[in-house]
Amino acid sequence: MISDLVKSALGRLRIVAFIEGISYLVLLGIAMPLKYLAGIPQAVRVVGMAHGVLFVLFVILLIQVAIERNWSFKKSIYSFISSLVPFGTFYADARWFRN
């Protein structure tokens, strides 16, 4: 299944969107509370860096897929905005990324 996804730009976008969504939830739900409630700022540094790299990769893949598949500007913007909202990439995968 995963090997089939890696073969296309849309498949790679779906994989990165899923991992990016998980990293966002870990950042907000685990790392931030550890920083502010337990005084452990290292969690935000590590998870935040990983999430940042995944976010940039998501945006690059999103641009590539939008160009390859001639997505409308509206669909592209909604897909981008989905990465800014918790659970948004999971919604985007179910709504727009399964073609």
PDB file of N, CA and C in Angstrom:
ATOM      1  N   MET A   1       0.822  -1.191   0.000  1.00  0.00           N
ATOM      2  CA  MET A   1       0.000   0.000   0.000  1.00  0.00           C
ATOM      3  C   MET A   1       0.868   1.257   0.000  1.00  0.00           C
ATOM      4  N   ILE A   2       1.805   1.344   0.928  1.00  0.00           N
ATOM      5  CA  ILE A   2       2.648   2.540   0.999  1.00  0.00           C
ATOM      6  C   ILE A   2       3.521   2.661  -0.242  1.00  0.00           C
ATOM      7  N   SER A   3       4.017   1.543  -0.760  1.00  0.00           N
ATOM      8  CA  SER A   3       4.852   1.608  -1.957  1.00  0.00           C
ATOM      9  C   SER A   3       4.067   2.166  -3.142  1.00  0.00           C
ATOM     10  N   ASP A   4       2.761   1.922  -3.201  1.00  0.00           N
ATOM     11  CA  ASP A   4       1.932   2.499  -4.260  1.00  0.00           C
ATOM     12  C   ASP A   4       1.789   4.006  -4.083  1.00  0.00           C
ATOM     13  N   LEU A   5       1.692   4.463  -2.832  1.00  0.00           N
ATOM     14  CA  LEU A   5       1.551   5.894  -2.568  1.00  0.00           C
ATOM     15  C   LEU A   5       2.813   6.671  -2.919  1.00  0.00           C
ATOM     16  N   VAL A   6       3.959   6.079  -2.674  1.00  0.00           N
ATOM     17  CA  VAL A   6       5.229   6.778  -2.892  1.00  0.00           C
ATOM     18  C   VAL A   6       5.481   7.039  -4.379  1.00  0.00           C
ATOM     19  N   LYS A   7       4.828   6.294  -5.237  1.00  0.00           N
ATOM     20  CA  LYS A   7       5.076   6.403  -6.677  1.00  0.00           C
ATOM     21  C   LYS A   7       4.519   7.680  -7.296  1.00  0.00           C
ATOM     22  N   SER A   8       3.559   8.321  -6.662  1.00  0.00           N
ATOM     23  CA  SER A   8       2.971   9.529  -7.242  1.00  0.00           C
ATOM     24  C   SER A   8       3.141  10.710  -6.292  1.00  0.00           C
ATOM     25  N   ALA A   9       3.100  11.901  -6.854  1.00  0.00           N
ATOM     26  CA  ALA A   9       3.221  13.106  -6.034  1.00  0.00           C
ATOM     27  C   ALA A   9       2.047  13.221  -5.066  1.00  0.00           C
ATOM     28  N   LEU A  10       0.853  12.860  -5.525  1.00  0.00           N
ATOM     29  CA  LEU A  10      -0.313  12.911  -4.644  1.00  0.00           C
ATOM     30  C   LEU A  10      -0.168  11.918  -3.494  1.00  0.00           C
ATOM     31  N   GLY A  11       0.356  10.755  -3.765  1.00  0.00           N
ATOM     32  CA  GLY A  11       0.586   9.769  -2.719  1.00  0.00           C
ATOM     33  C   GLY A  11       1.596  10.253  -1.696  1.00  0.00           C
ATOM     34  N   ARG A  12       2.667  10.865  -2.191  1.00  0.00           N
ATOM     35  CA  ARG A  12       3.667  11.422  -1.266  1.00  0.00           C
ATOM     36  C   ARG A  12       3.065  12.542  -0.432  1.00  0.00           C
ATOM     37  N   LEU A  13       2.214  13.364  -1.046  1.00  0.00           N
ATOM     38  CA  LEU A  13       1.536  14.424  -0.304  1.00  0.00           C
ATOM     39  C   LEU A  13       0.664  13.830   0.795  1.00  0.00           C
ATOM     40  N   ARG A  14      -0.051  12.769   0.482  1.00  0.00           N
ATOM     41  CA  ARG A  14      -0.911  12.121   1.480  1.00  0.00           C
ATOM     42  C   ARG A  14      -0.097  11.594   2.657  1.00  0.00           C
ATOM     43  N   ILE A  15       1.045  10.984   2.369  1.00  0.00           N
ATOM     44  CA  ILE A  15       1.897  10.449   3.437  1.00  0.00           C
ATOM     45  C   ILE A  15       2.425  11.581   4.314  1.00  0.00           C
ATOM     46  N   VAL A  16       2.963  12.621   3.677  1.00  0.00           N
ATOM     47  CA  VAL A  16       3.519  13.746   4.434  1.00  0.00           C
ATOM     48  C   VAL A  16       2.416  14.473   5.197  1.00  0.00           C
ATOM     49  N   ALA A  17       1.226  14.614   4.603  1.00  0.00           N
ATOM     50  CA  ALA A  17       0.113  15.271   5.293  1.00  0.00           C
ATOM     51  C   ALA A  17      -0.256  14.511   6.558  1.00  0.00           C
ATOM     52  N   PHE A  18      -0.276  13.198   6.480  1.00  0.00           N
ATOM     53  CA  PHE A  18      -0.598  12.385   7.654  1.00  0.00           C
ATOM     54  C   PHE A  18       0.455  12.569   8.750  1.00  0.00           C
ATOM     55  N   ILE A  19       1.717  12.468   8.382  1.00  0.00           N
ATOM     56  CA  ILE A  19       2.794  12.595   9.370  1.00  0.00           C
ATOM     57  C   ILE A  19       2.833  14.015   9.932  1.00  0.00           C
ATOM     58  N   GLU A  20       2.623  15.006   9.067  1.00  0.00           N
ATOM     59  CA  GLU A  20       2.613  16.404   9.508  1.00  0.00           C
ATOM     60  C   GLU A  20       1.455  16.638  10.473  1.00  0.00           C
ATOM     61  N   GLY A  21       0.304  16.051  10.188  1.00  0.00           N
ATOM     62  CA  GLY A  21      -0.845  16.181  11.080  1.00  0.00           C
ATOM     63  C   GLY A  21      -0.578  15.567  12.453  1.00  0.00           C
ATOM     64  N   ILE A  22       0.059  14.400  12.446  1.00  0.00           N
ATOM     65  CA  ILE A  22       0.424  13.756  13.711  1.00  0.00           C
ATOM     66  C   ILE A  22       1.417  14.626  14.480  1.00  0.00           C
ATOM     67  N   SER A  23       2.418  15.161  13.781  1.00  0.00           N
ATOM     68  CA  SER A  23       3.431  15.978  14.465  1.00  0.00           C
ATOM     69  C   SER A  23       2.811  17.243  15.057  1.00  0.00           C
ATOM     70  N   TYR A  24       1.818  17.809  14.363  1.00  0.00           N
ATOM     71  CA  TYR A  24       1.132  19.000  14.877  1.00  0.00           C
ATOM     72  C   TYR A  24       0.373  18.670  16.156  1.00  0.00           C
ATOM     73  N   LEU A  25      -0.316  17.533  16.155  1.00  0.00           N
ATOM     74  CA  LEU A  25      -1.053  17.124  17.346  1.00  0.00           C
ATOM     75  C   LEU A  25      -0.118  16.813  18.510  1.00  0.00           C
ATOM     76  N   VAL A  26       1.024  16.181  18.221  1.00  0.00           N
ATOM     77  CA  VAL A  26       2.014  15.901  19.270  1.00  0.00           C
ATOM     78  C   VAL A  26       2.583  17.211  19.813  1.00  0.00           C
ATOM     79  N   LEU A  27       2.839  18.158  18.925  1.00  0.00           N
ATOM     80  CA  LEU A  27       3.363  19.456  19.353  1.00  0.00           C
ATOM     81  C   LEU A  27       2.368  20.160  20.276  1.00  0.00           C
ATOM     82  N   LEU A  28       1.108  20.209  19.850  1.00  0.00           N
ATOM     83  CA  LEU A  28       0.101  20.919  20.648  1.00  0.00           C
ATOM     84  C   LEU A  28      -0.335  20.147  21.891  1.00  0.00           C
ATOM     85  N   GLY A  29      -0.462  18.837  21.766  1.00  0.00           N
ATOM     86  CA  GLY A  29      -1.025  18.050  22.858  1.00  0.00           C
ATOM     87  C   GLY A  29      -0.043  17.477  23.850  1.00  0.00           C
ATOM     88  N   ILE A  30       1.217  17.347  23.438  1.00  0.00           N
ATOM     89  CA  ILE A  30       2.207  16.749  24.341  1.00  0.00           C
ATOM     90  C   ILE A  30       3.363  17.707  24.626  1.00  0.00           C
ATOM     91  N   ALA A  31       3.999  18.200  23.568  1.00  0.00           N
ATOM     92  CA  ALA A  31       5.199  19.018  23.757  1.00  0.00           C
ATOM     93  C   ALA A  31       4.908  20.355  24.442  1.00  0.00           C
ATOM     94  N   MET A  32       3.835  21.028  24.020  1.00  0.00           N
ATOM     95  CA  MET A  32       3.514  22.322  24.646  1.00  0.00           C
ATOM     96  C   MET A  32       3.153  22.162  26.129  1.00  0.00           C
ATOM     97  N   PRO A  33       2.306  21.201  26.480  1.00  0.00           N
ATOM     98  CA  PRO A  33       2.061  21.012  27.922  1.00  0.00           C
ATOM     99  C   PRO A  33       3.326  20.644  28.705  1.00  0.00           C
ATOM    100  N   LEU A  34       4.199  19.850  28.091  1.00  0.00           N
ATOM    101  CA  LEU A  34       5.454  19.534  28.780  1.00  0.00           C
ATOM    102  C   LEU A  34       6.277  20.792  29.021  1.00  0.00           C
ATOM    103  N   LYS A  35       6.276  21.691  28.064  1.00  0.00           N
ATOM    104  CA  LYS A  35       7.044  22.923  28.208  1.00  0.00           C
ATOM    105  C   LYS A  35       6.447  23.820  29.288  1.00  0.00           C
ATOM    106  N   TYR A  36       5.139  24.055  29.217  1.00  0.00           N
ATOM    107  CA  TYR A  36       4.532  25.037  30.096  1.00  0.00           C
ATOM    108  C   TYR A  36       4.056  24.492  31.438  1.00  0.00           C
ATOM    109  N   LEU A  37       3.740  23.218  31.496  1.00  0.00           N
ATOM    110  CA  LEU A  37       3.259  22.659  32.757  1.00  0.00           C
ATOM    111  C   LEU A  37       4.340  21.900  33.521  1.00  0.00           C
ATOM    112  N   ALA A  38       5.287  21.290  32.789  1.00  0.00           N
ATOM    113  CA  ALA A  38       6.319  20.501  33.452  1.00  0.00           C
ATOM    114  C   ALA A  38       7.703  21.149  33.374  1.00  0.00           C
ATOM    115  N   GLY A  39       7.802  22.272  32.657  1.00  0.00           N
ATOM    116  CA  GLY A  39       9.088  22.963  32.562  1.00  0.00           C
ATOM    117  C   GLY A  39      10.126  22.227  31.737  1.00  0.00           C
ATOM    118  N   ILE A  40       9.686  21.508  30.711  1.00  0.00           N
ATOM    119  CA  ILE A  40      10.605  20.754  29.850  1.00  0.00           C
ATOM    120  C   ILE A  40      10.544  21.346  28.436  1.00  0.00           C
ATOM    121  N   PRO A  41      11.321  22.398  28.166  1.00  0.00           N
ATOM    122  CA  PRO A  41      11.248  23.053  26.848  1.00  0.00           C
ATOM    123  C   PRO A  41      11.887  22.249  25.713  1.00  0.00           C
ATOM    124  N   GLN A  42      12.683  21.253  26.025  1.00  0.00           N
ATOM    125  CA  GLN A  42      13.339  20.460  24.985  1.00  0.00           C
ATOM    126  C   GLN A  42      12.327  19.741  24.094  1.00  0.00           C
ATOM    127  N   ALA A  43      11.190  19.373  24.645  1.00  0.00           N
ATOM    128  CA  ALA A  43      10.172  18.674  23.856  1.00  0.00           C
ATOM    129  C   ALA A  43       9.690  19.543  22.703  1.00  0.00           C
ATOM    130  N   VAL A  44       9.491  20.829  22.963  1.00  0.00           N
ATOM    131  CA  VAL A  44       9.038  21.742  21.908  1.00  0.00           C
ATOM    132  C   VAL A  44      10.138  21.943  20.876  1.00  0.00           C
ATOM    133  N   ARG A  45      11.373  21.990  21.310  1.00  0.00           N
ATOM    134  CA  ARG A  45      12.477  22.158  20.355  1.00  0.00           C
ATOM    135  C   ARG A  45      12.543  20.992  19.386  1.00  0.00           C
ATOM    136  N   VAL A  46      12.475  19.797  19.893  1.00  0.00           N
ATOM    137  CA  VAL A  46      12.608  18.603  19.055  1.00  0.00           C
ATOM    138  C   VAL A  46      11.383  18.419  18.167  1.00  0.00           C
ATOM    139  N   VAL A  47      10.219  18.397  18.771  1.00  0.00           N
ATOM    140  CA  VAL A  47       8.988  18.174  18.007  1.00  0.00           C
ATOM    141  C   VAL A  47       8.709  19.368  17.095  1.00  0.00           C
ATOM    142  N   GLY A  48       8.990  20.559  17.574  1.00  0.00           N
ATOM    143  CA  GLY A  48       8.785  21.761  16.759  1.00  0.00           C
ATOM    144  C   GLY A  48       9.652  21.765  15.513  1.00  0.00           C
ATOM    145  N   MET A  49      10.889  21.337  15.635  1.00  0.00           N
ATOM    146  CA  MET A  49      11.782  21.276  14.473  1.00  0.00           C
ATOM    147  C   MET A  49      11.287  20.237  13.476  1.00  0.00           C
ATOM    148  N   ALA A  50      10.915  19.081  13.970  1.00  0.00           N
ATOM    149  CA  ALA A  50      10.400  18.033  13.080  1.00  0.00           C
ATOM    150  C   ALA A  50       9.125  18.500  12.384  1.00  0.00           C
ATOM    151  N   HIS A  51       8.244  19.122  13.130  1.00  0.00           N
ATOM    152  CA  HIS A  51       6.997  19.619  12.541  1.00  0.00           C
ATOM    153  C   HIS A  51       7.282  20.697  11.497  1.00  0.00           C
ATOM    154  N   GLY A  52       8.225  21.568  11.772  1.00  0.00           N
ATOM    155  CA  GLY A  52       8.575  22.619  10.811  1.00  0.00           C
ATOM    156  C   GLY A  52       9.088  22.054   9.499  1.00  0.00           C
ATOM    157  N   VAL A  53       9.948  21.063   9.582  1.00  0.00           N
ATOM    158  CA  VAL A  53      10.469  20.421   8.373  1.00  0.00           C
ATOM    159  C   VAL A  53       9.338  19.741   7.609  1.00  0.00           C
ATOM    160  N   LEU A  54       8.470  19.050   8.319  1.00  0.00           N
ATOM    161  CA  LEU A  54       7.339  18.382   7.671  1.00  0.00           C
ATOM    162  C   LEU A  54       6.375  19.387   7.053  1.00  0.00           C
ATOM    163  N   PHE A  55       6.169  20.523   7.704  1.00  0.00           N
ATOM    164  CA  PHE A  55       5.289  21.549   7.168  1.00  0.00           C
ATOM    165  C   PHE A  55       5.841  22.103   5.852  1.00  0.00           C
ATOM    166  N   VAL A  56       7.127  22.394   5.821  1.00  0.00           N
ATOM    167  CA  VAL A  56       7.745  22.901   4.592  1.00  0.00           C
ATOM    168  C   VAL A  56       7.644  21.860   3.480  1.00  0.00           C
ATOM    169  N   LEU A  57       7.903  20.607   3.806  1.00  0.00           N
ATOM    170  CA  LEU A  57       7.773  19.530   2.825  1.00  0.00           C
ATOM    171  C   LEU A  57       6.330  19.409   2.333  1.00  0.00           C
ATOM    172  N   PHE A  58       5.374  19.555   3.228  1.00  0.00           N
ATOM    173  CA  PHE A  58       3.954  19.524   2.859  1.00  0.00           C
ATOM    174  C   PHE A  58       3.640  20.631   1.851  1.00  0.00           C
ATOM    175  N   VAL A  59       4.107  21.837   2.125  1.00  0.00           N
ATOM    176  CA  VAL A  59       3.827  22.968   1.234  1.00  0.00           C
ATOM    177  C   VAL A  59       4.460  22.739  -0.142  1.00  0.00           C
ATOM    178  N   ILE A  60       5.681  22.240  -0.176  1.00  0.00           N
ATOM    179  CA  ILE A  60       6.348  21.971  -1.455  1.00  0.00           C
ATOM    180  C   ILE A  60       5.572  20.916  -2.243  1.00  0.00           C
ATOM    181  N   LEU A  61       5.194  19.840  -1.597  1.00  0.00           N
ATOM    182  CA  LEU A  61       4.431  18.788  -2.269  1.00  0.00           C
ATOM    183  C   LEU A  61       3.052  19.280  -2.694  1.00  0.00           C
ATOM    184  N   LEU A  62       2.437  20.119  -1.875  1.00  0.00           N
ATOM    185  CA  LEU A  62       1.136  20.675  -2.223  1.00  0.00           C
ATOM    186  C   LEU A  62       1.227  21.514  -3.496  1.00  0.00           C
ATOM    187  N   ILE A  63       2.249  22.324  -3.608  1.00  0.00           N
ATOM    188  CA  ILE A  63       2.451  23.126  -4.815  1.00  0.00           C
ATOM    189  C   ILE A  63       2.670  22.219  -6.018  1.00  0.00           C
ATOM    190  N   GLN A  64       3.496  21.194  -5.850  1.00  0.00           N
ATOM    191  CA  GLN A  64       3.766  20.258  -6.947  1.00  0.00           C
ATOM    192  C   GLN A  64       2.479  19.578  -7.411  1.00  0.00           C
ATOM    193  N   VAL A  65       1.684  19.076  -6.482  1.00  0.00           N
ATOM    194  CA  VAL A  65       0.442  18.381  -6.832  1.00  0.00           C
ATOM    195  C   VAL A  65      -0.557  19.352  -7.460  1.00  0.00           C
ATOM    196  N   ALA A  66      -0.666  20.547  -6.906  1.00  0.00           N
ATOM    197  CA  ALA A  66      -1.602  21.531  -7.450  1.00  0.00           C
ATOM    198  C   ALA A  66      -1.266  21.870  -8.897  1.00  0.00           C
ATOM    199  N   ILE A  67       0.015  21.958  -9.221  1.00  0.00           N
ATOM    200  CA  ILE A  67       0.427  22.249 -10.597  1.00  0.00           C
ATOM    201  C   ILE A  67       0.192  21.039 -11.488  1.00  0.00           C
ATOM    202  N   GLU A  68       0.603  19.862 -11.039  1.00  0.00           N
ATOM    203  CA  GLU A  68       0.455  18.644 -11.843  1.00  0.00           C
ATOM    204  C   GLU A  68      -1.002  18.323 -12.149  1.00  0.00           C
ATOM    205  N   ARG A  69      -1.877  18.534 -11.192  1.00  0.00           N
ATOM    206  CA  ARG A  69      -3.281  18.131 -11.331  1.00  0.00           C
ATOM    207  C   ARG A  69      -4.201  19.291 -11.672  1.00  0.00           C
ATOM    208  N   ASN A  70      -3.623  20.461 -11.929  1.00  0.00           N
ATOM    209  CA  ASN A  70      -4.396  21.658 -12.292  1.00  0.00           C
ATOM    210  C   ASN A  70      -5.511  21.961 -11.286  1.00  0.00           C
ATOM    211  N   TRP A  71      -5.146  21.906 -10.026  1.00  0.00           N
ATOM    212  CA  TRP A  71      -6.114  22.225  -8.981  1.00  0.00           C
ATOM    213  C   TRP A  71      -6.485  23.694  -9.078  1.00  0.00           C
ATOM    214  N   SER A  72      -7.706  24.020  -8.712  1.00  0.00           N
ATOM    215  CA  SER A  72      -8.119  25.416  -8.667  1.00  0.00           C
ATOM    216  C   SER A  72      -7.371  26.119  -7.535  1.00  0.00           C
ATOM    217  N   PHE A  73      -7.323  27.432  -7.631  1.00  0.00           N
ATOM    218  CA  PHE A  73      -6.668  28.215  -6.588  1.00  0.00           C
ATOM    219  C   PHE A  73      -7.381  27.999  -5.255  1.00  0.00           C
ATOM    220  N   LYS A  74      -8.706  27.927  -5.298  1.00  0.00           N
ATOM    221  CA  LYS A  74      -9.506  27.734  -4.087  1.00  0.00           C
ATOM    222  C   LYS A  74      -9.173  26.403  -3.407  1.00  0.00           C
ATOM    223  N   LYS A  75      -9.101  25.331  -4.175  1.00  0.00           N
ATOM    224  CA  LYS A  75      -8.774  24.015  -3.618  1.00  0.00           C
ATOM    225  C   LYS A  75      -7.358  24.014  -3.034  1.00  0.00           C
ATOM    226  N   SER A  76      -6.437  24.670  -3.717  1.00  0.00           N
ATOM    227  CA  SER A  76      -5.056  24.748  -3.234  1.00  0.00           C
ATOM    228  C   SER A  76      -4.971  25.521  -1.922  1.00  0.00           C
ATOM    229  N   ILE A  77      -5.680  26.636  -1.841  1.00  0.00           N
ATOM    230  CA  ILE A  77      -5.663  27.442  -0.617  1.00  0.00           C
ATOM    231  C   ILE A  77      -6.327  26.691   0.536  1.00  0.00           C
ATOM    232  N   TYR A  78      -7.452  26.043   0.264  1.00  0.00           N
ATOM    233  CA  TYR A  78      -8.103  25.257   1.313  1.00  0.00           C
ATOM    234  C   TYR A  78      -7.199  24.129   1.803  1.00  0.00           C
ATOM    235  N   SER A  79      -6.488  23.508   0.885  1.00  0.00           N
ATOM    236  CA  SER A  79      -5.556  22.443   1.262  1.00  0.00           C
ATOM    237  C   SER A  79      -4.441  22.997   2.139  1.00  0.00           C
ATOM    238  N   PHE A  80      -3.954  24.184   1.800  1.00  0.00           N
ATOM    239  CA  PHE A  80      -2.913  24.815   2.619  1.00  0.00           C
ATOM    240  C   PHE A  80      -3.450  25.171   4.002  1.00  0.00           C
ATOM    241  N   ILE A  81      -4.626  25.780   4.042  1.00  0.00           N
ATOM    242  CA  ILE A  81      -5.217  26.183   5.323  1.00  0.00           C
ATOM    243  C   ILE A  81      -5.459  24.972   6.213  1.00  0.00           C
ATOM    244  N   SER A  82      -5.737  23.831   5.589  1.00  0.00           N
ATOM    245  CA  SER A  82      -5.970  22.615   6.387  1.00  0.00           C
ATOM    246  C   SER A  82      -4.754  22.248   7.228  1.00  0.00           C
ATOM    247  N   SER A  83      -3.571  22.624   6.779  1.00  0.00           N
ATOM    248  CA  SER A  83      -2.368  22.291   7.538  1.00  0.00           C
ATOM    249  C   SER A  83      -2.182  23.202   8.747  1.00  0.00           C
ATOM    250  N   LEU A  84      -2.954  24.260   8.830  1.00  0.00           N
ATOM    251  CA  LEU A  84      -2.834  25.208   9.942  1.00  0.00           C
ATOM    252  C   LEU A  84      -3.813  24.896  11.075  1.00  0.00           C
ATOM    253  N   VAL A  85      -4.738  23.985  10.822  1.00  0.00           N
ATOM    254  CA  VAL A  85      -5.789  23.652  11.781  1.00  0.00           C
ATOM    255  C   VAL A  85      -5.535  22.243  12.326  1.00  0.00           C
ATOM    256  N   PRO A  86      -5.629  22.057  13.642  1.00  0.00           N
ATOM    257  CA  PRO A  86      -5.490  20.690  14.159  1.00  0.00           C
ATOM    258  C   PRO A  86      -6.507  19.754  13.499  1.00  0.00           C
ATOM    259  N   PHE A  87      -6.063  18.592  13.119  1.00  0.00           N
ATOM    260  CA  PHE A  87      -6.841  17.569  12.411  1.00  0.00           C
ATOM    261  C   PHE A  87      -7.172  17.973  10.972  1.00  0.00           C
ATOM    262  N   GLY A  88      -6.713  19.121  10.534  1.00  0.00           N
ATOM    263  CA  GLY A  88      -7.047  19.615   9.199  1.00  0.00           C
ATOM    264  C   GLY A  88      -6.484  18.769   8.070  1.00  0.00           C
ATOM    265  N   THR A  89      -5.279  18.260   8.230  1.00  0.00           N
ATOM    266  CA  THR A  89      -4.696  17.457   7.152  1.00  0.00           C
ATOM    267  C   THR A  89      -5.427  16.135   6.985  1.00  0.00           C
ATOM    268  N   PHE A  90      -6.009  15.633   8.062  1.00  0.00           N
ATOM    269  CA  PHE A  90      -6.784  14.393   7.960  1.00  0.00           C
ATOM    270  C   PHE A  90      -8.078  14.650   7.187  1.00  0.00           C
ATOM    271  N   TYR A  91      -8.684  15.793   7.436  1.00  0.00           N
ATOM    272  CA  TYR A  91      -9.880  16.187   6.689  1.00  0.00           C
ATOM    273  C   TYR A  91      -9.530  16.393   5.211  1.00  0.00           C
ATOM    274  N   ALA A  92      -8.432  17.082   4.956  1.00  0.00           N
ATOM    275  CA  ALA A  92      -8.010  17.338   3.573  1.00  0.00           C
ATOM    276  C   ALA A  92      -7.732  16.037   2.840  1.00  0.00           C
ATOM    277  N   ASP A  93      -7.143  15.077   3.516  1.00  0.00           N
ATOM    278  CA  ASP A  93      -6.871  13.789   2.880  1.00  0.00           C
ATOM    279  C   ASP A  93      -8.174  13.109   2.486  1.00  0.00           C
ATOM    280  N   ALA A  94      -9.137  13.130   3.375  1.00  0.00           N
ATOM    281  CA  ALA A  94     -10.423  12.489   3.081  1.00  0.00           C
ATOM    282  C   ALA A  94     -11.210  13.249   2.018  1.00  0.00           C
ATOM    283  N   ARG A  95     -11.061  14.554   2.001  1.00  0.00           N
ATOM    284  CA  ARG A  95     -11.882  15.390   1.103  1.00  0.00           C
ATOM    285  C   ARG A  95     -11.239  15.611  -0.258  1.00  0.00           C
ATOM    286  N   TRP A  96      -9.929  15.942  -0.303  1.00  0.00           N
ATOM    287  CA  TRP A  96      -9.305  16.399  -1.548  1.00  0.00           C
ATOM    288  C   TRP A  96      -8.168  15.511  -2.047  1.00  0.00           C
ATOM    289  N   PHE A  97      -7.509  14.761  -1.195  1.00  0.00           N
ATOM    290  CA  PHE A  97      -6.287  14.071  -1.602  1.00  0.00           C
ATOM    291  C   PHE A  97      -6.506  12.649  -2.078  1.00  0.00           C
ATOM    292  N   ARG A  98      -7.717  12.159  -2.077  1.00  0.00           N
ATOM    293  CA  ARG A  98      -7.989  10.763  -2.493  1.00  0.00           C
ATOM    294  C   ARG A  98      -8.575  10.734  -3.891  1.00  0.00           C
ATOM    295  N   ASN A  99      -7.739  10.928  -4.880  1.00  0.00           N
ATOM    296  CA  ASN A  99      -8.212  10.893  -6.277  1.00  0.00           C
ATOM    297  C   ASN A  99      -7.640   9.683  -6.969  1.00  0.00           C
TER     298      ASN A  99
END
